[in-house]
Protein backbone atom coordinates (compact mmCIF):
# COMPACT_ATOMS: atom_id res chain seq x y z
CA MET A 1 -97.73 10.96 -151.72
CA ALA A 2 -100.21 13.57 -150.58
CA SER A 3 -103.51 12.33 -149.24
CA ARG A 4 -106.62 12.96 -151.30
CA LEU A 5 -109.08 15.72 -150.53
CA PRO A 6 -112.14 14.69 -148.47
CA SER A 7 -115.38 14.01 -150.28
CA ALA A 8 -118.42 16.27 -149.94
CA PRO A 9 -120.00 16.02 -146.49
CA PRO A 10 -123.26 14.05 -146.34
CA GLY A 11 -126.62 15.69 -145.86
CA ILE A 12 -128.06 14.37 -142.59
CA ALA A 13 -131.28 15.67 -141.06
CA GLY A 14 -130.77 17.06 -137.57
CA PHE A 15 -127.01 17.60 -137.98
CA THR A 16 -124.98 20.64 -139.06
CA TYR A 17 -121.68 20.17 -140.89
CA VAL A 18 -118.61 21.77 -139.29
CA ARG A 19 -115.38 20.54 -140.96
CA PRO A 20 -113.53 17.42 -142.18
CA LEU A 21 -111.61 15.32 -139.66
CA GLY A 22 -109.84 12.74 -141.81
CA THR A 23 -109.80 10.62 -144.95
CA GLY A 24 -109.34 6.89 -145.49
CA GLY A 25 -109.31 4.30 -148.20
CA PHE A 26 -113.04 3.59 -147.99
CA ALA A 27 -114.56 6.39 -145.93
CA ASP A 28 -114.19 9.97 -144.74
CA VAL A 29 -114.81 11.32 -141.25
CA PHE A 30 -116.41 14.73 -140.65
CA LEU A 31 -117.13 16.83 -137.59
CA PHE A 32 -120.84 17.66 -137.30
CA GLU A 33 -122.94 19.26 -134.60
CA GLN A 34 -126.06 17.41 -133.58
CA ASN A 35 -128.94 19.84 -133.20
CA LEU A 36 -130.94 18.01 -130.51
CA PRO A 37 -129.41 17.17 -128.13
CA ARG A 38 -126.73 19.66 -129.07
CA ARG A 39 -123.27 18.10 -129.09
CA PRO A 40 -120.29 17.62 -131.44
CA VAL A 41 -120.19 14.24 -133.20
CA ALA A 42 -117.93 12.48 -135.67
CA VAL A 43 -119.64 11.13 -138.80
CA LYS A 44 -117.98 8.36 -140.79
CA VAL A 45 -119.39 8.09 -144.32
CA LEU A 46 -118.53 5.69 -147.14
CA LEU A 47 -117.19 7.09 -150.39
CA GLU A 48 -119.91 7.28 -153.01
CA ASP A 49 -118.14 5.58 -155.92
CA ILE A 50 -116.85 2.45 -154.15
CA VAL A 51 -119.89 1.14 -152.28
CA ASP A 52 -120.45 -2.53 -153.14
CA GLU A 53 -121.81 -5.60 -151.37
CA ASN A 54 -118.54 -6.42 -149.60
CA LEU A 55 -118.07 -2.88 -148.35
CA LEU A 56 -121.69 -2.68 -147.18
CA ARG A 57 -121.22 -5.96 -145.33
CA MET A 58 -118.15 -4.61 -143.52
CA PHE A 59 -119.86 -1.29 -142.82
CA ASN A 60 -122.98 -2.94 -141.38
CA ALA A 61 -120.83 -5.21 -139.24
CA GLU A 62 -118.84 -2.27 -137.90
CA ALA A 63 -122.03 -0.41 -136.95
CA ASP A 64 -123.56 -3.51 -135.32
CA VAL A 65 -120.40 -4.44 -133.42
CA MET A 66 -119.85 -0.91 -132.14
CA ALA A 67 -123.50 -0.59 -131.11
CA ARG A 68 -123.25 -3.87 -129.21
CA LEU A 69 -120.01 -2.95 -127.43
CA SER A 70 -120.10 0.83 -127.08
CA ALA A 71 -121.72 0.67 -123.65
CA HIS A 72 -118.21 -0.25 -122.47
CA PRO A 73 -116.43 2.85 -121.08
CA SER A 74 -113.27 2.07 -123.10
CA ILE A 75 -114.96 1.51 -126.47
CA LEU A 76 -115.97 4.41 -128.72
CA THR A 77 -119.68 5.22 -128.45
CA ILE A 78 -121.93 5.04 -131.52
CA TYR A 79 -125.11 7.13 -131.61
CA GLU A 80 -126.80 6.09 -134.86
CA ALA A 81 -126.22 4.71 -138.36
CA SER A 82 -128.26 5.09 -141.53
CA ILE A 83 -128.13 6.28 -145.14
CA SER A 84 -127.70 9.97 -145.98
CA ALA A 85 -129.84 11.94 -148.39
CA ASP A 86 -127.32 11.33 -151.20
CA GLY A 87 -127.39 7.56 -150.66
CA ARG A 88 -124.15 7.07 -148.67
CA PRO A 89 -124.15 4.89 -145.53
CA TYR A 90 -122.87 6.69 -142.44
CA ILE A 91 -122.20 6.16 -138.72
CA VAL A 92 -122.56 8.92 -136.11
CA MET A 93 -120.05 8.45 -133.29
CA GLU A 94 -118.66 10.16 -130.20
CA TYR A 95 -116.22 12.90 -131.14
CA CYS A 96 -112.73 12.40 -129.71
CA PRO A 97 -110.38 15.35 -130.28
CA THR A 98 -107.10 13.35 -130.25
CA SER A 99 -105.64 9.88 -130.79
CA LEU A 100 -102.34 8.11 -130.17
CA THR A 101 -101.47 8.07 -133.88
CA ASN A 102 -98.25 10.09 -133.59
CA ARG A 103 -98.04 11.10 -129.95
CA TYR A 104 -95.67 8.27 -128.99
CA ARG A 105 -93.21 9.46 -131.65
CA ARG A 106 -93.28 13.07 -130.43
CA GLU A 107 -92.97 12.62 -126.67
CA VAL A 108 -92.07 10.17 -123.95
CA ILE A 109 -95.30 8.80 -122.51
CA PRO A 110 -95.11 8.02 -118.78
CA VAL A 111 -95.05 4.34 -117.80
CA THR A 112 -97.96 4.84 -115.41
CA GLU A 113 -100.13 6.23 -118.22
CA VAL A 114 -99.29 3.32 -120.52
CA LEU A 115 -100.13 0.82 -117.79
CA GLN A 116 -103.48 2.49 -117.16
CA LEU A 117 -104.25 2.49 -120.88
CA GLY A 118 -103.25 -1.18 -121.16
CA VAL A 119 -105.66 -2.26 -118.44
CA LYS A 120 -108.52 -0.22 -119.91
CA ILE A 121 -108.06 -1.41 -123.51
CA GLY A 122 -107.44 -4.95 -122.26
CA SER A 123 -110.79 -4.79 -120.46
CA ALA A 124 -112.46 -3.59 -123.66
CA LEU A 125 -110.95 -6.44 -125.67
CA GLU A 126 -111.94 -9.00 -123.07
CA THR A 127 -115.52 -7.74 -123.24
CA ALA A 128 -115.49 -8.04 -127.04
CA HIS A 129 -114.07 -11.56 -126.85
CA ARG A 130 -116.69 -12.68 -124.33
CA SER A 131 -119.28 -11.41 -126.80
CA GLY A 132 -117.73 -13.60 -129.50
CA LEU A 133 -116.11 -10.72 -131.41
CA LEU A 134 -112.57 -9.92 -132.58
CA HIS A 135 -111.26 -6.44 -133.35
CA ARG A 136 -108.38 -7.57 -135.65
CA ASP A 137 -106.69 -4.16 -136.01
CA ILE A 138 -105.26 -3.12 -132.65
CA LYS A 139 -102.71 -0.31 -133.04
CA PRO A 140 -102.00 3.17 -131.61
CA SER A 141 -104.06 5.06 -134.21
CA ASN A 142 -107.17 3.06 -133.28
CA ILE A 143 -107.00 4.24 -129.67
CA LEU A 144 -108.69 7.62 -129.40
CA ILE A 145 -108.69 10.00 -126.44
CA THR A 146 -112.04 11.38 -125.30
CA THR A 147 -112.63 14.97 -124.20
CA PHE A 148 -112.14 13.71 -120.62
CA GLY A 149 -108.73 12.21 -121.40
CA ALA A 150 -109.86 8.57 -121.36
CA PRO A 151 -108.59 6.09 -123.98
CA VAL A 152 -111.22 4.28 -126.09
CA LEU A 153 -110.85 1.56 -128.69
CA SER A 154 -112.25 2.50 -132.11
CA ASP A 155 -112.51 1.32 -135.73
CA PHE A 156 -114.13 -2.10 -135.78
CA GLY A 157 -114.20 -1.97 -139.60
CA ILE A 158 -112.58 -5.40 -140.03
CA ALA A 159 -114.05 -7.02 -136.92
CA ALA A 160 -115.03 -10.67 -137.14
CA ALA A 161 -116.66 -13.42 -135.14
CA ILE A 162 -114.33 -15.56 -133.02
CA THR A 163 -116.01 -18.66 -134.48
CA GLY A 164 -116.75 -18.09 -138.15
CA ARG A 165 -118.34 -20.39 -140.68
CA ALA A 166 -115.96 -22.90 -142.16
CA ASP A 167 -116.94 -22.01 -145.71
CA GLU A 168 -116.65 -18.23 -145.52
CA ASP A 169 -113.85 -16.45 -147.32
CA GLU A 170 -111.24 -15.19 -144.91
CA VAL A 171 -110.05 -11.60 -145.20
CA PHE A 172 -106.41 -11.02 -144.28
CA ALA A 173 -106.35 -7.36 -143.31
CA MET A 174 -103.38 -6.30 -141.25
CA SER A 175 -101.44 -3.33 -139.95
CA VAL A 176 -98.04 -4.94 -140.30
CA PRO A 177 -96.02 -3.27 -137.51
CA TRP A 178 -98.48 -4.52 -134.88
CA SER A 179 -99.63 -7.82 -136.45
CA ALA A 180 -98.77 -11.22 -134.96
CA PRO A 181 -96.55 -13.66 -136.91
CA GLU A 182 -99.46 -15.97 -137.69
CA ILE A 183 -101.36 -13.02 -139.21
CA VAL A 184 -98.36 -11.85 -141.24
CA GLU A 185 -97.88 -15.40 -142.55
CA GLU A 186 -101.64 -15.55 -143.34
CA ARG A 187 -102.08 -18.76 -141.38
CA ILE A 188 -105.14 -17.28 -139.66
CA SER A 189 -107.12 -14.07 -140.11
CA GLY A 190 -107.67 -13.41 -136.40
CA SER A 191 -107.74 -14.99 -132.94
CA VAL A 192 -107.64 -14.10 -129.25
CA PRO A 193 -103.86 -14.79 -129.03
CA ALA A 194 -103.35 -12.47 -132.02
CA GLU A 195 -105.33 -9.78 -130.19
CA VAL A 196 -103.07 -10.25 -127.14
CA TRP A 197 -100.06 -9.75 -129.43
CA GLY A 198 -101.61 -6.61 -130.93
CA LEU A 199 -102.20 -5.04 -127.53
CA GLY A 200 -98.69 -5.98 -126.36
CA ALA A 201 -97.15 -4.51 -129.54
CA THR A 202 -99.20 -1.33 -129.11
CA LEU A 203 -98.04 -0.86 -125.50
CA TYR A 204 -94.47 -1.51 -126.61
CA SER A 205 -94.78 1.26 -129.22
CA LEU A 206 -96.13 3.74 -126.70
CA LEU A 207 -93.15 3.09 -124.42
CA ALA A 208 -90.41 2.78 -127.06
CA GLY A 209 -91.50 5.60 -129.35
CA ARG A 210 -91.49 3.23 -132.35
CA SER A 211 -93.15 0.02 -133.49
CA PRO A 212 -91.64 -3.17 -131.99
CA PHE A 213 -89.59 -4.34 -135.00
CA GLU A 214 -88.70 -0.95 -136.42
CA ARG A 215 -85.02 -0.04 -136.56
CA PRO A 216 -84.77 3.70 -135.91
CA GLY A 217 -82.55 5.64 -138.30
CA SER A 218 -81.60 2.58 -140.35
CA GLY A 219 -83.84 3.18 -143.36
CA GLN A 220 -84.57 -0.57 -143.36
CA ASN A 221 -88.19 -0.50 -142.30
CA SER A 222 -90.10 -1.40 -145.42
CA ARG A 223 -93.24 -3.50 -145.14
CA GLU A 224 -91.44 -6.65 -146.24
CA GLN A 225 -88.49 -6.05 -143.90
CA LEU A 226 -90.86 -5.59 -140.95
CA LYS A 227 -92.76 -8.75 -141.87
CA SER A 228 -89.50 -10.70 -142.00
CA ARG A 229 -88.55 -9.57 -138.47
CA ILE A 230 -92.04 -10.24 -137.12
CA ARG A 231 -91.90 -13.83 -138.40
CA LYS A 232 -88.79 -14.36 -136.25
CA ALA A 233 -90.36 -12.45 -133.33
CA SER A 234 -87.13 -11.81 -131.46
CA TYR A 235 -88.06 -9.48 -128.59
CA THR A 236 -85.83 -6.42 -128.15
CA PRO A 237 -85.96 -4.71 -124.73
CA ILE A 238 -87.36 -1.19 -124.75
CA GLY A 239 -84.31 0.21 -123.04
CA ARG A 240 -85.97 2.96 -121.03
CA ALA A 241 -84.54 3.27 -117.54
CA ASP A 242 -88.00 3.85 -116.02
CA VAL A 243 -89.53 0.71 -117.59
CA PRO A 244 -89.35 -1.99 -114.89
CA PRO A 245 -88.03 -5.48 -115.80
CA ARG A 246 -91.37 -7.04 -114.90
CA LEU A 247 -93.13 -4.93 -117.54
CA GLU A 248 -90.53 -6.03 -120.12
CA GLN A 249 -91.34 -9.63 -119.18
CA VAL A 250 -95.08 -9.07 -119.56
CA LEU A 251 -94.64 -7.56 -123.04
CA ALA A 252 -92.17 -10.26 -124.11
CA ARG A 253 -94.73 -12.91 -123.18
CA ALA A 254 -97.54 -11.10 -124.96
CA MET A 255 -95.38 -10.96 -128.10
CA ASN A 256 -94.09 -14.54 -128.01
CA ARG A 257 -93.86 -16.15 -131.44
CA ASP A 258 -95.82 -19.15 -130.16
CA PRO A 259 -99.50 -18.18 -129.66
CA ALA A 260 -99.87 -20.83 -126.94
CA ALA A 261 -97.09 -19.22 -124.89
CA ARG A 262 -98.84 -15.84 -124.76
CA HIS A 263 -101.39 -14.77 -122.18
CA SER A 264 -104.50 -16.91 -122.52
CA SER A 265 -106.77 -13.87 -122.65
CA ALA A 266 -106.80 -10.09 -122.74
CA ALA A 267 -107.98 -10.21 -119.12
CA GLU A 268 -104.86 -12.15 -118.07
CA LEU A 269 -102.63 -9.59 -119.79
CA ALA A 270 -104.51 -6.73 -118.10
CA HIS A 271 -104.15 -8.46 -114.72
CA GLU A 272 -100.37 -8.73 -115.14
CA LEU A 273 -100.27 -5.03 -115.94
CA GLN A 274 -102.10 -4.42 -112.67
CA LEU A 275 -99.39 -6.39 -110.88
CA VAL A 276 -96.78 -4.08 -112.40
CA GLN A 277 -98.80 -1.14 -111.07
CA HIS A 278 -98.69 -2.78 -107.64
CA ASP A 279 -94.90 -3.12 -107.83
CA LEU A 280 -94.60 0.56 -108.71
CA GLY A 281 -96.84 1.57 -105.83
CA VAL A 282 -99.45 3.26 -108.03
CA PRO A 283 -103.22 2.72 -107.75
CA HIS A 284 -104.60 -0.25 -109.66
CA THR A 285 -106.66 0.61 -112.71
CA PRO A 286 -109.93 -1.34 -112.29
CA MET A 287 -110.77 -3.96 -114.88
CA GLU A 288 -114.17 -3.29 -116.46
CA VAL A 289 -115.43 -6.50 -118.08
CA ALA A 290 -119.05 -7.19 -118.96
CA VAL A 291 -120.84 -9.92 -117.02
CA ASP A 292 -121.62 -13.12 -118.89
CA GLU A 293 -125.37 -12.38 -118.93
CA TRP A 294 -124.75 -9.16 -120.86
CA ALA A 295 -122.27 -10.77 -123.24
CA ALA A 296 -124.74 -13.53 -124.10
CA ALA A 297 -127.78 -11.27 -124.52
CA GLY A 298 -129.20 -10.27 -127.89
CA ALA A 299 -128.82 -11.70 -131.34
CA ALA A 300 -125.38 -12.41 -132.76
CA VAL A 301 -123.90 -9.92 -135.21
CA ASP A 302 -124.58 -11.01 -138.79
CA PHE A 303 -121.29 -10.53 -140.66
CA ALA A 304 -122.92 -11.59 -143.95
CA ASP A 305 -125.49 -8.76 -143.97
CA ASP A 306 -124.81 -6.66 -147.09
CA ARG A 307 -128.14 -4.78 -147.23
CA ALA A 308 -128.37 -1.02 -147.51
CA ARG A 309 -130.22 -0.43 -144.26
CA GLY A 310 -131.83 2.97 -144.49
CA PRO A 311 -134.10 5.12 -142.36
CA VAL A 312 -137.03 3.62 -140.46
CA ARG A 313 -140.30 4.29 -142.29
CA PRO A 314 -143.85 4.03 -140.88
CA SER A 315 -146.27 1.32 -142.01
CA VAL A 316 -149.48 2.53 -140.34
CA GLN A 317 -152.61 3.73 -142.07
CA TYR A 318 -153.90 7.20 -141.41
CA ALA A 319 -156.90 9.22 -142.53
CA SER A 320 -156.12 11.75 -145.24
CA ARG A 321 -157.50 15.28 -144.97
CA ARG A 322 -157.50 15.70 -148.73
CA PRO A 323 -160.98 15.59 -150.32
CA ALA A 324 -161.78 12.57 -152.48
CA ARG A 325 -161.72 13.15 -156.22
CA ALA A 326 -163.97 11.75 -158.95
CA PRO A 327 -162.70 8.59 -160.70
CA ARG A 328 -160.48 9.12 -163.69
CA ALA A 329 -159.79 7.05 -166.76
CA VAL A 330 -156.67 4.93 -166.99
CA ASP A 331 -153.76 7.23 -167.66
CA ARG A 332 -150.66 5.56 -169.07
CA ARG A 333 -147.48 7.63 -168.96
CA PRO A 334 -144.33 6.28 -170.60
CA ASP A 335 -142.03 7.51 -167.84
CA GLU A 336 -144.09 6.49 -164.82
CA GLY A 337 -145.96 3.33 -165.83
CA THR A 338 -149.71 2.94 -165.30
CA VAL A 339 -151.98 4.75 -162.87
CA LEU A 340 -155.00 2.58 -162.05
CA ALA A 341 -158.45 3.85 -162.93
CA GLY A 342 -160.00 5.64 -160.01
CA ALA A 343 -156.65 6.34 -158.41
CA GLU A 344 -155.01 9.66 -157.91
CA PRO A 345 -151.62 9.91 -159.61
CA ALA A 346 -148.78 9.67 -157.10
CA PRO A 347 -146.72 12.83 -156.83
CA ARG A 348 -143.38 12.84 -158.60
CA LEU A 349 -140.52 12.36 -156.17
CA GLY A 350 -137.33 14.36 -156.16
CA THR A 351 -133.96 12.65 -156.41
CA ALA A 352 -133.31 12.65 -152.66
CA ALA A 353 -136.80 11.28 -151.95
CA ARG A 354 -136.39 8.49 -154.53
CA ILE A 355 -133.04 7.52 -153.02
CA ALA A 356 -134.44 7.48 -149.50
CA LEU A 357 -137.51 5.51 -150.65
CA PHE A 358 -135.36 2.94 -152.47
CA ALA A 359 -133.01 2.61 -149.50
CA GLY A 360 -135.89 1.90 -147.16
CA GLY A 361 -137.45 -0.61 -149.55
CA GLY A 362 -140.75 1.32 -149.56
CA VAL A 363 -143.53 1.45 -152.17
CA LEU A 364 -145.80 4.51 -152.11
CA LEU A 365 -149.43 3.93 -153.11
CA ALA A 366 -152.01 6.71 -153.39
CA ALA A 367 -155.27 4.79 -153.02
CA ALA A 368 -158.78 5.90 -153.93
CA GLY A 369 -160.83 7.44 -151.19
CA ALA A 370 -159.48 9.07 -148.11
CA VAL A 371 -156.69 6.69 -147.04
CA THR A 372 -153.04 6.87 -148.05
CA THR A 373 -150.85 3.94 -147.09
CA LEU A 374 -147.08 3.58 -147.01
CA LEU A 375 -146.11 -0.05 -147.35
CA VAL A 376 -142.64 -1.06 -146.25
CA THR A 377 -141.53 -4.23 -147.98
CA GLY A 378 -138.18 -5.89 -147.70
CA GLY A 379 -136.30 -2.99 -146.12
CA GLY A 380 -134.18 -3.54 -143.02
CA LEU A 381 -134.11 -1.39 -139.97
């Protein structure tokens, strides 16, 4: 089935539209150029006709999680998030020209490159976990390559807290070829051991040229057939002559059916990959994990926030340069309500202005005399 056409690009002040980059089930991604400072950026925007409370909650969480973690060199950088002129929430992110979506199927990726990537993404996951956050969708297509050739973890759209509330509804979102057995069986919606599995399965794919439980050329790789094989979790060696036995052992442990038998953390998995680098005589890729003080700083991400958080609006009073007018009688207009006696009628707002004003939760009052005040009530930043 052919993919749908992208939606219309959003209107964002300070950015110039260039071209579409991709489409998804809930959002589209466009290439824009930021005017100041001038640089290419990727803009992810929700589709106009499907925005609801649940989607806003996930979108806000993605923006907050990425903003909290994007200081990490192996996590995609976010620049800003807001609501566009046509009322659609958007996120402005670092533009990465390529990803690993199909590369592992087209070419043989060197073992040394996969090891380096594993340590870097493992470091990113460990940083997220120490901040109390789970990614929950680790797979090749969510690893992008920056303009400098560095891998970065992206798409925190279904991220969650490691310790959630007992009464909250769990969302079982999965990318089956790389999901752990306990996720496929819907016993849990996410955990650190499941993240270890996801990273191990991703590295396996990059080395094997296929997902771990895919049978090449057999035609027996439907979603249900893959889920059945994942439940059994019988590890099949990659079979490449240049993949050392120790690396096979590391991946087999990461993808053990028993979560308790896997590596206890993403950091432990990354460390074992460093040991494989040592055996091969290649330089160790440094582990970059945030210190505990950084991980514990700041407020926790609120995964229940489903507000439409729009642009920041001022709430200060300022002297108007417009001359004061004589008092007028009460003027009642059926389409605009009542204008108080002695007050100057507020100017009619265009559609874009009304949307922006509603999104920010603002109420515009034109008061008598020489002061105009913009009150911001109830809107989030």
